[in-house]
Amino acid sequence: MTVTGILLAASLILFFAFFASFIFRRFGLPDVLFLIILGFVIGPSVLNYVTPASLSGLAPVFTTFTLLFLLFDGAFNINLASLIREFSESFILTIFNFIISSAVILCVMLISGFPFLESLLMGFLLGGVSSSFVIPILQQIKVKERLYSLLTLESALTDVFCIVFSLTVIEIIQLGSFGFRQTFTQLASLFAVAGLIGLIGGVIWIILTNHVLKEHNYVMVVAYLLLVYVMAEFLNGNGAIATLFFGLMLKNSKQLSSILKGILSRGSKKEQKAIKGELGVAVTTPAEEYFYHQISFFLKTFFFVYIGILIDFTDTRALVIGLIIAVLLAFSRTSSLLLTRKLKLDQRTLVNSMFARGLAAAAIAQLALQFGVPQADFMAKISYIVITGTIVLSSIRVFMLKRKIILPHGF
């Protein structure tokens, strides 16, 4: 394909993405599903305009950047104050659903003949709901703040859990050893280095923004983000986790800097102001966060189209396993009823409807391919089927729920 053809295709895909977003806002049909369908149509299965082989050179860089930016942007959905306030209910729900989902997938993969570690990787990879699906749905139907916070935190945290635990299993597979002591030591070192680099990087950037640059340069943050990733990888840490900590520092910079000033100062009045965040200064603005969300939209658009290109319905075994997992995830989600008894019936139904998998799972599946995980190609095929299937099933549940009640008043 010529340069002009590539640019034309990129332009048309972005226009299609905005059209899909309009359809989503108007009718509630998820835009990511349309993007996957578009990729499937232009891919080798239908029109054969683009093949996975033609994208193989770009895929590793694109996947890595998508993953690290996914975590960075996802950190802006995790407000530490909200996390602490809703910690008990949201965190317990998150852990419960993640464990149940991972266990279901683990069992299916073991029954299908996969080794334990590869099965565990699939369980963690597909264990969490997708924030790229949940958050737009919640924004459209305008649920109450408590329910919005509960589901947003769950989707943001499970994105993190999927990536962190999946990367941990990949590291164990790479080590090729089951020695608990050696494995635990290396993993602890890996994540400790990543967390430390992310925190130090965040502190340095906060100081630079407030005292040196004294302005909000959005592109510089992206450049610095890449530097944080590279530094973590260079020091044998996990770059993606480092970008998560960096994003958390920027998102909560006002609260954290306020607490720091409160510790350094004296007086009960200042301590109260410090806890409320009144002494700190935020290094990000709403406009800046919007800019990062737009980059995420750009990456999401092309990544889900890429997933559509990779989908292979000709592999019957992968198709059957993927569909079984998708259906079981829909049924297992109802187990959250045990933890949502305090909510209204329609609110509990909405919680049960949010089980779609998405960007984090797809990115990890691609990463497993890059690291040469055994049977990663077949596992990726299953993942794409599960992502598509859960998006369809979850969308149907949400659509049926919207038809039964008036959401703005019912929630």
Protein backbone atom coordinates (compact mmCIF):
# COMPACT_ATOMS: atom_id res chain seq x y z
CA MET A 1 0.00 0.00 0.00
CA THR A 2 1.31 3.48 -0.91
CA VAL A 3 1.89 6.29 1.61
CA THR A 4 -1.14 8.10 0.22
CA GLY A 5 -3.24 4.97 0.60
CA ILE A 6 -2.12 4.50 4.22
CA LEU A 7 -2.95 8.10 5.10
CA LEU A 8 -6.34 7.80 3.39
CA ALA A 9 -7.08 4.58 5.30
CA ALA A 10 -6.09 6.23 8.62
CA SER A 11 -8.34 9.19 7.87
CA LEU A 12 -11.32 7.00 6.98
CA ILE A 13 -10.82 4.82 10.09
CA LEU A 14 -10.82 7.89 12.36
CA PHE A 15 -13.96 9.24 10.68
CA PHE A 16 -15.53 5.82 11.14
CA ALA A 17 -14.53 5.87 14.82
CA PHE A 18 -16.27 9.23 15.37
CA PHE A 19 -19.34 7.90 13.54
CA ALA A 20 -19.28 4.79 15.77
CA SER A 21 -19.08 7.06 18.83
CA PHE A 22 -22.15 8.93 17.59
CA ILE A 23 -24.01 5.62 17.14
CA PHE A 24 -22.99 4.66 20.65
CA ARG A 25 -24.28 7.92 22.15
CA ARG A 26 -27.51 7.74 20.14
CA PHE A 27 -28.41 4.05 20.37
CA GLY A 28 -26.12 2.61 23.07
CA LEU A 29 -24.31 0.20 20.72
CA PRO A 30 -20.61 0.11 21.76
CA ASP A 31 -18.20 1.76 19.34
CA VAL A 32 -15.47 -0.80 20.00
CA LEU A 33 -17.67 -3.52 18.49
CA PHE A 34 -17.96 -1.53 15.24
CA LEU A 35 -14.19 -1.02 15.20
CA ILE A 36 -13.59 -4.77 15.57
CA ILE A 37 -16.09 -5.45 12.77
CA LEU A 38 -14.34 -2.89 10.54
CA GLY A 39 -10.99 -4.58 11.14
CA PHE A 40 -12.50 -7.99 10.40
CA VAL A 41 -14.00 -6.70 7.12
CA ILE A 42 -10.79 -5.10 5.82
CA GLY A 43 -8.68 -8.01 7.10
CA PRO A 44 -7.78 -11.33 5.45
CA SER A 45 -11.08 -12.97 6.35
CA VAL A 46 -13.20 -10.75 4.05
CA LEU A 47 -11.70 -8.06 1.77
CA ASN A 48 -8.03 -8.86 2.45
CA TYR A 49 -6.96 -5.20 2.19
CA VAL A 50 -4.66 -5.61 5.20
CA THR A 51 -2.96 -8.72 6.55
CA PRO A 52 -1.32 -9.32 9.96
CA ALA A 53 1.98 -9.92 8.17
CA SER A 54 1.92 -6.41 6.68
CA LEU A 55 1.63 -4.93 10.18
CA SER A 56 4.15 -7.22 11.91
CA GLY A 57 6.94 -4.62 11.85
CA LEU A 58 4.84 -1.93 13.50
CA ALA A 59 2.88 -4.17 15.90
CA PRO A 60 5.47 -4.53 18.75
CA VAL A 61 6.05 -0.76 19.07
CA PHE A 62 2.36 0.08 18.72
CA THR A 63 1.29 -2.60 21.24
CA THR A 64 3.89 -1.55 23.81
CA PHE A 65 2.98 2.14 23.53
CA THR A 66 -0.74 1.33 23.73
CA LEU A 67 -0.18 -0.75 26.86
CA LEU A 68 1.91 1.82 28.72
CA PHE A 69 -0.40 4.69 27.74
CA LEU A 70 -3.43 2.60 28.72
CA LEU A 71 -2.05 2.30 32.24
CA PHE A 72 -1.00 5.95 32.36
CA ASP A 73 -4.40 7.22 31.19
CA GLY A 74 -6.20 4.66 33.35
CA ALA A 75 -4.47 6.12 36.40
CA PHE A 76 -6.46 9.32 35.80
CA ASN A 77 -9.62 7.31 36.60
CA ILE A 78 -8.23 6.39 40.04
CA ASN A 79 -8.69 9.20 42.50
CA LEU A 80 -6.98 8.27 45.76
CA ALA A 81 -9.59 10.12 47.83
CA SER A 82 -12.42 8.22 46.11
CA LEU A 83 -10.45 4.99 46.33
CA ILE A 84 -10.04 5.40 50.09
CA ARG A 85 -13.68 6.46 50.54
CA GLU A 86 -15.08 3.60 48.45
CA PHE A 87 -12.22 1.23 49.22
CA SER A 88 -14.01 -1.43 51.20
CA GLU A 89 -17.00 -1.93 48.89
CA SER A 90 -15.30 -1.34 45.53
CA PHE A 91 -12.10 -3.19 46.31
CA ILE A 92 -13.89 -6.24 47.70
CA LEU A 93 -16.19 -6.34 44.65
CA THR A 94 -13.17 -5.97 42.34
CA ILE A 95 -11.16 -8.74 44.00
CA PHE A 96 -14.20 -11.04 44.18
CA ASN A 97 -15.15 -10.68 40.51
CA PHE A 98 -11.54 -10.88 39.35
CA ILE A 99 -10.91 -14.11 41.27
CA ILE A 100 -14.19 -15.71 40.13
CA SER A 101 -13.59 -14.79 36.47
CA SER A 102 -9.95 -15.89 36.53
CA ALA A 103 -10.88 -19.20 38.19
CA VAL A 104 -13.59 -19.91 35.59
CA ILE A 105 -11.20 -19.25 32.70
CA LEU A 106 -8.42 -21.26 34.39
CA CYS A 107 -10.73 -24.28 34.67
CA VAL A 108 -11.87 -24.03 31.03
CA MET A 109 -8.28 -23.81 29.79
CA LEU A 110 -7.13 -26.74 31.96
CA ILE A 111 -10.04 -28.86 30.73
CA SER A 112 -9.08 -27.87 27.17
CA GLY A 113 -5.62 -29.38 27.71
CA PHE A 114 -3.48 -26.31 28.39
CA PRO A 115 -0.59 -26.37 30.92
CA PHE A 116 -1.20 -24.68 34.28
CA LEU A 117 0.89 -21.54 33.75
CA GLU A 118 -0.57 -20.81 30.29
CA SER A 119 -4.06 -21.42 31.69
CA LEU A 120 -3.33 -19.10 34.62
CA LEU A 121 -2.09 -16.45 32.20
CA MET A 122 -5.36 -16.66 30.27
CA GLY A 123 -7.29 -16.40 33.53
CA PHE A 124 -5.51 -13.20 34.56
CA LEU A 125 -5.49 -11.82 31.02
CA LEU A 126 -9.28 -12.05 30.72
CA GLY A 127 -10.10 -11.73 34.43
CA GLY A 128 -11.18 -8.08 34.53
CA VAL A 129 -13.85 -5.91 32.96
CA SER A 130 -12.76 -3.26 30.45
CA SER A 131 -12.67 0.40 31.45
CA SER A 132 -12.81 1.31 27.74
CA PHE A 133 -16.29 -0.28 27.70
CA VAL A 134 -17.60 0.47 31.19
CA ILE A 135 -16.76 4.17 31.55
CA PRO A 136 -18.38 5.33 28.26
CA ILE A 137 -21.49 3.28 29.09
CA LEU A 138 -21.79 4.87 32.54
CA GLN A 139 -21.26 8.36 31.13
CA GLN A 140 -24.04 7.79 28.62
CA ILE A 141 -26.70 6.49 31.00
CA LYS A 142 -25.82 8.96 33.82
CA VAL A 143 -25.89 6.79 36.91
CA LYS A 144 -25.62 8.16 40.43
CA GLU A 145 -22.21 9.10 41.77
CA ARG A 146 -21.85 6.17 44.17
CA LEU A 147 -22.62 3.55 41.53
CA TYR A 148 -20.48 5.39 38.98
CA SER A 149 -17.56 5.41 41.44
CA LEU A 150 -18.06 1.74 42.28
CA LEU A 151 -18.01 0.51 38.67
CA THR A 152 -15.37 2.98 37.45
CA LEU A 153 -12.98 1.97 40.20
CA GLU A 154 -13.63 -1.71 39.51
CA SER A 155 -12.89 -1.35 35.79
CA ALA A 156 -9.80 0.78 36.41
CA LEU A 157 -8.45 -1.55 39.09
CA THR A 158 -9.12 -4.74 37.10
CA ASP A 159 -7.34 -3.25 34.08
CA VAL A 160 -4.37 -2.85 36.39
CA PHE A 161 -4.84 -6.33 37.91
CA CYS A 162 -5.04 -7.93 34.45
CA ILE A 163 -1.81 -6.30 33.35
CA VAL A 164 0.14 -6.71 36.59
CA PHE A 165 -0.78 -10.37 37.23
CA SER A 166 -0.45 -11.32 33.55
CA LEU A 167 3.00 -9.72 33.36
CA THR A 168 3.91 -11.60 36.55
CA VAL A 169 2.96 -14.97 34.99
CA ILE A 170 4.83 -14.06 31.80
CA GLU A 171 7.90 -13.28 33.90
CA ILE A 172 7.57 -16.66 35.65
CA ILE A 173 7.30 -18.41 32.28
CA GLN A 174 10.35 -16.47 31.07
CA LEU A 175 12.34 -17.48 34.17
CA GLY A 176 11.57 -21.10 33.42
CA SER A 177 11.81 -21.99 37.08
CA PHE A 178 9.29 -22.88 39.76
CA GLY A 179 11.63 -22.11 42.68
CA PHE A 180 9.40 -20.03 44.93
CA ARG A 181 12.23 -18.12 46.57
CA GLN A 182 14.00 -17.19 43.34
CA THR A 183 10.79 -16.38 41.52
CA PHE A 184 9.40 -14.24 44.35
CA THR A 185 12.70 -12.37 44.74
CA GLN A 186 12.95 -11.54 41.05
CA LEU A 187 9.32 -10.50 40.80
CA ALA A 188 9.55 -8.34 43.93
CA SER A 189 12.65 -6.68 42.50
CA LEU A 190 10.95 -6.18 39.15
CA PHE A 191 7.91 -4.41 40.56
CA ALA A 192 9.78 -2.59 43.33
CA VAL A 193 12.08 -1.00 40.75
CA ALA A 194 9.11 -0.11 38.56
CA GLY A 195 7.17 1.44 41.44
CA LEU A 196 10.21 3.39 42.65
CA ILE A 197 11.00 4.73 39.17
CA GLY A 198 7.36 5.76 38.69
CA LEU A 199 7.19 7.53 42.06
CA ILE A 200 10.55 9.28 41.66
CA GLY A 201 9.63 10.24 38.10
CA GLY A 202 6.35 11.69 39.36
CA VAL A 203 8.05 13.71 42.10
CA ILE A 204 10.63 15.09 39.66
CA TRP A 205 7.93 16.07 37.16
CA ILE A 206 5.83 17.77 39.84
CA ILE A 207 8.88 19.81 40.93
CA LEU A 208 9.78 20.66 37.33
CA THR A 209 6.22 21.76 36.52
CA ASN A 210 5.76 23.89 39.62
CA HIS A 211 9.21 25.46 39.91
CA VAL A 212 11.01 25.25 36.54
CA LEU A 213 8.66 24.94 33.58
CA LYS A 214 5.75 26.72 35.31
CA GLU A 215 3.42 25.67 32.49
CA HIS A 216 1.51 22.61 31.36
CA ASN A 217 3.21 21.17 28.27
CA TYR A 218 1.16 18.16 27.22
CA VAL A 219 3.60 16.77 24.65
CA MET A 220 6.49 17.04 27.10
CA VAL A 221 4.57 14.82 29.52
CA VAL A 222 4.25 12.15 26.82
CA ALA A 223 7.98 12.41 26.10
CA TYR A 224 8.74 12.17 29.82
CA LEU A 225 6.35 9.21 30.10
CA LEU A 226 8.37 7.33 27.48
CA LEU A 227 11.56 8.20 29.36
CA VAL A 228 10.10 6.78 32.61
CA TYR A 229 9.22 3.56 30.75
CA VAL A 230 12.69 3.24 29.21
CA MET A 231 14.45 3.95 32.53
CA ALA A 232 12.40 1.28 34.32
CA GLU A 233 13.16 -1.28 31.61
CA PHE A 234 16.87 -0.31 31.59
CA LEU A 235 17.07 -0.90 35.37
CA ASN A 236 15.37 -4.32 34.98
CA GLY A 237 12.01 -3.09 36.23
CA ASN A 238 8.63 -3.27 34.54
CA GLY A 239 8.13 -0.17 32.41
CA ALA A 240 4.35 -0.47 32.17
CA ILE A 241 3.94 -0.57 35.96
CA ALA A 242 6.26 2.44 36.26
CA THR A 243 3.98 4.44 33.96
CA LEU A 244 1.00 3.48 36.15
CA PHE A 245 2.68 4.90 39.26
CA PHE A 246 3.71 7.99 37.30
CA GLY A 247 0.10 8.55 36.21
CA LEU A 248 -1.16 8.09 39.79
CA MET A 249 1.33 10.71 40.99
CA LEU A 250 0.17 13.24 38.38
CA LYS A 251 -3.53 12.57 38.91
CA ASN A 252 -3.28 12.93 42.68
CA SER A 253 -0.53 15.56 42.74
CA LYS A 254 -2.69 18.15 44.52
CA GLN A 255 -3.68 15.79 47.32
CA LEU A 256 -0.18 14.33 47.71
CA SER A 257 1.61 17.69 47.67
CA SER A 258 -0.93 19.03 50.16
CA ILE A 259 -0.29 16.14 52.55
CA LEU A 260 3.48 16.65 52.18
CA LYS A 261 3.16 20.34 53.05
CA GLY A 262 0.96 19.42 56.00
CA ILE A 263 3.63 17.06 57.32
CA LEU A 264 6.33 19.72 56.98
CA SER A 265 4.20 22.44 58.57
CA ARG A 266 2.82 22.71 62.08
CA GLY A 267 -0.61 23.56 63.41
CA SER A 268 -3.91 21.74 63.50
CA LYS A 269 -5.56 24.12 61.02
CA LYS A 270 -2.93 23.42 58.38
CA GLU A 271 -3.17 19.71 59.02
CA GLN A 272 -6.92 19.83 58.34
CA LYS A 273 -6.35 21.81 55.15
CA ALA A 274 -3.64 19.36 54.11
CA ILE A 275 -5.98 16.39 54.45
CA LYS A 276 -8.59 18.19 52.34
CA GLY A 277 -5.97 18.94 49.67
CA GLU A 278 -6.16 22.69 50.08
CA LEU A 279 -2.39 23.22 50.43
CA GLY A 280 -1.35 21.38 47.27
CA VAL A 281 -1.03 22.33 43.62
CA ALA A 282 -2.23 20.10 40.77
CA VAL A 283 0.24 19.57 37.92
CA THR A 284 -2.50 18.49 35.51
CA THR A 285 -5.54 20.39 34.27
CA PRO A 286 -8.91 19.11 32.99
CA ALA A 287 -7.81 20.18 29.49
CA GLU A 288 -4.63 18.14 29.85
CA GLU A 289 -6.53 15.06 30.99
CA TYR A 290 -8.87 15.53 28.03
CA PHE A 291 -5.80 15.57 25.77
CA TYR A 292 -4.64 12.23 27.20
CA HIS A 293 -8.14 10.79 26.75
CA GLN A 294 -8.01 11.87 23.09
CA ILE A 295 -4.70 10.06 22.62
CA SER A 296 -6.33 7.01 24.22
CA PHE A 297 -9.24 7.36 21.79
CA PHE A 298 -6.76 7.44 18.89
CA LEU A 299 -4.91 4.37 20.16
CA LYS A 300 -8.14 2.55 21.01
CA THR A 301 -9.49 3.16 17.53
CA PHE A 302 -6.56 1.63 15.68
CA PHE A 303 -5.95 -1.09 18.25
CA PHE A 304 -9.48 -2.51 18.07
CA VAL A 305 -9.37 -2.33 14.27
CA TYR A 306 -6.08 -4.22 14.50
CA ILE A 307 -7.77 -6.83 16.72
CA GLY A 308 -10.51 -7.21 14.10
CA ILE A 309 -7.83 -7.87 11.47
CA LEU A 310 -6.34 -10.60 13.68
CA ILE A 311 -9.63 -12.39 14.44
CA ASP A 312 -9.71 -15.85 12.90
CA PHE A 313 -13.08 -17.60 12.87
CA THR A 314 -11.67 -20.48 10.81
CA ASP A 315 -9.97 -21.98 13.86
CA THR A 316 -12.93 -23.96 15.20
CA ARG A 317 -11.26 -25.00 18.45
CA ALA A 318 -10.33 -21.41 19.38
CA LEU A 319 -13.84 -20.26 18.41
CA VAL A 320 -15.56 -22.86 20.60
CA ILE A 321 -13.30 -22.26 23.63
CA GLY A 322 -13.66 -18.49 23.24
CA LEU A 323 -17.46 -18.62 23.04
CA ILE A 324 -17.68 -20.97 26.05
CA ILE A 325 -15.54 -18.59 28.11
CA ALA A 326 -17.60 -15.56 27.00
CA VAL A 327 -20.87 -17.22 28.02
CA LEU A 328 -19.45 -18.46 31.34
CA LEU A 329 -18.15 -14.96 32.14
CA ALA A 330 -21.66 -13.60 31.57
CA PHE A 331 -23.12 -16.16 33.98
CA SER A 332 -20.34 -15.87 36.57
CA ARG A 333 -20.86 -12.11 36.75
CA THR A 334 -24.19 -12.74 38.49
CA SER A 335 -22.23 -13.95 41.52
CA SER A 336 -21.65 -10.27 42.33
CA LEU A 337 -25.25 -10.26 43.62
CA LEU A 338 -23.81 -11.64 46.84
CA LEU A 339 -21.91 -8.38 47.42
CA THR A 340 -24.41 -5.83 46.12
CA ARG A 341 -27.39 -6.51 48.39
CA LYS A 342 -27.40 -2.92 49.64
CA LEU A 343 -28.04 -1.59 46.12
CA LYS A 344 -31.42 -1.31 44.42
CA LEU A 345 -32.49 -4.13 42.12
CA ASP A 346 -31.93 -2.15 38.91
CA GLN A 347 -28.50 -1.01 40.16
CA ARG A 348 -27.53 -4.60 40.92
CA THR A 349 -28.70 -5.59 37.44
CA LEU A 350 -26.48 -2.92 35.91
CA VAL A 351 -23.48 -4.18 37.90
CA ASN A 352 -24.16 -7.68 36.55
CA SER A 353 -24.35 -6.31 33.01
CA MET A 354 -20.81 -4.88 33.06
CA PHE A 355 -18.55 -7.80 32.15
CA ALA A 356 -17.10 -6.92 28.72
CA ARG A 357 -13.38 -7.51 28.17
CA GLY A 358 -11.33 -5.12 26.04
CA LEU A 359 -8.13 -3.21 25.49
CA ALA A 360 -6.02 -4.48 28.41
CA ALA A 361 -6.69 -8.13 27.50
CA ALA A 362 -5.91 -7.54 23.83
CA ALA A 363 -2.69 -5.66 24.62
CA ILE A 364 -1.46 -8.42 26.96
CA ALA A 365 -2.30 -11.08 24.36
CA GLN A 366 -0.07 -9.24 21.89
CA LEU A 367 2.64 -8.87 24.51
CA ALA A 368 2.57 -12.62 25.16
CA LEU A 369 3.27 -13.12 21.45
CA GLN A 370 6.24 -10.75 21.61
CA PHE A 371 7.72 -12.59 24.61
CA GLY A 372 7.36 -15.96 22.89
CA VAL A 373 5.00 -17.51 25.45
CA PRO A 374 4.17 -21.11 24.42
CA GLN A 375 0.92 -21.35 22.41
CA ALA A 376 0.58 -17.54 22.60
CA ASP A 377 -0.80 -17.39 19.04
CA PHE A 378 -3.65 -19.77 19.85
CA MET A 379 -4.29 -18.03 23.18
CA ALA A 380 -4.49 -14.69 21.37
CA LYS A 381 -7.13 -16.12 19.00
CA ILE A 382 -9.21 -17.20 21.99
CA SER A 383 -8.78 -13.78 23.61
CA TYR A 384 -10.10 -11.92 20.56
CA ILE A 385 -13.16 -14.18 20.43
CA VAL A 386 -13.81 -13.63 24.17
CA ILE A 387 -13.41 -9.85 23.83
CA THR A 388 -15.88 -9.71 20.93
CA GLY A 389 -18.31 -12.14 22.55
CA THR A 390 -18.40 -10.40 25.94
CA ILE A 391 -18.84 -6.98 24.30
CA VAL A 392 -21.85 -8.31 22.38
CA LEU A 393 -23.41 -10.09 25.40
CA SER A 394 -22.78 -7.19 27.78
CA SER A 395 -24.23 -4.72 25.27
CA ILE A 396 -27.37 -6.83 24.94
CA ARG A 397 -27.84 -6.85 28.73
CA VAL A 398 -27.36 -3.08 29.01
CA PHE A 399 -29.74 -2.48 26.08
CA MET A 400 -32.41 -4.69 27.67
CA LEU A 401 -31.95 -2.92 30.99
CA LYS A 402 -32.39 0.50 29.38
CA ARG A 403 -35.61 -0.64 27.72
CA LYS A 404 -37.12 -1.71 31.05
CA ILE A 405 -36.39 1.40 33.17
CA ILE A 406 -35.74 5.13 32.86
CA LEU A 407 -32.13 5.22 33.97
CA PRO A 408 -31.66 8.90 34.86
CA HIS A 409 -34.44 8.62 37.44
CA GLY A 410 -34.10 4.94 38.34
CA PHE A 411 -30.51 5.21 39.43
